[in-house]
């Protein structure tokens, strides 16, 4: 069977145990499901290159590819997503953050979704489960960014605007806003990502600059198509 989905995981300075959680979860996906997936780790200029951490982790079961951004740009969320989409060889990708884990159950459900909808412009976001803490504010709350989307639809929306790089916020809202007439966005309340607090990057979260910038772009329809503006290399 052909590969259908690439998990595009953005990595930025998280602890090795968080990375191991992802690798182990992927490795424990049933082989007939896992073989339909490729796995990207996008190292967004981390202080310790992710390849150094992978030296102690067994990823032999995975079709794993690792890319490293060679400069440390603040909040380069748009950039690494565009790079992942640019390099993706499968019809679908899953935009994935380090704080959300895809396990055997969710991988199987996502594969079924992709098979069923591969000829339609539909994108899917997913619910979150916080293990052992159902009172957590993110438990049973959909993730705004992690999504299953066809590559053709990602670029039809216009990709992520890299003018937002350098400041925090608005990458996801602006993408979905631009996609309203181009893709159908569906929330899958019955498909759960496992949420991990320690997977969130330790960064300053002030959205004021990018909120103003997005309003200007919406008014003037001045979205950038200058993609992947930084040096990068494939390291695995």
Foldseek 3Di string as FASTA:
>chain_A
DEAAEEEQEEDAQFDLVLVLLQLVQLLPAPLVLSRNYAYEYEDQQHPDDVVVSCVPHDNPSHNYWYKYFNDRWAPQLLFSQLVCLVPDPHQKYWHDYSQWHDHNVLSVVVVVVCVVDVPAQAKEWEAADEPPCCPDPRHLPIDLGTMMGTSVLCVVLPGFFSVCINADDDRRVLSVVSCVVPGHYYYDSPRYIYGHPSRDDPDDHDCVVVVVVSVVCVVVVPGDNPHNPGDMDIDD
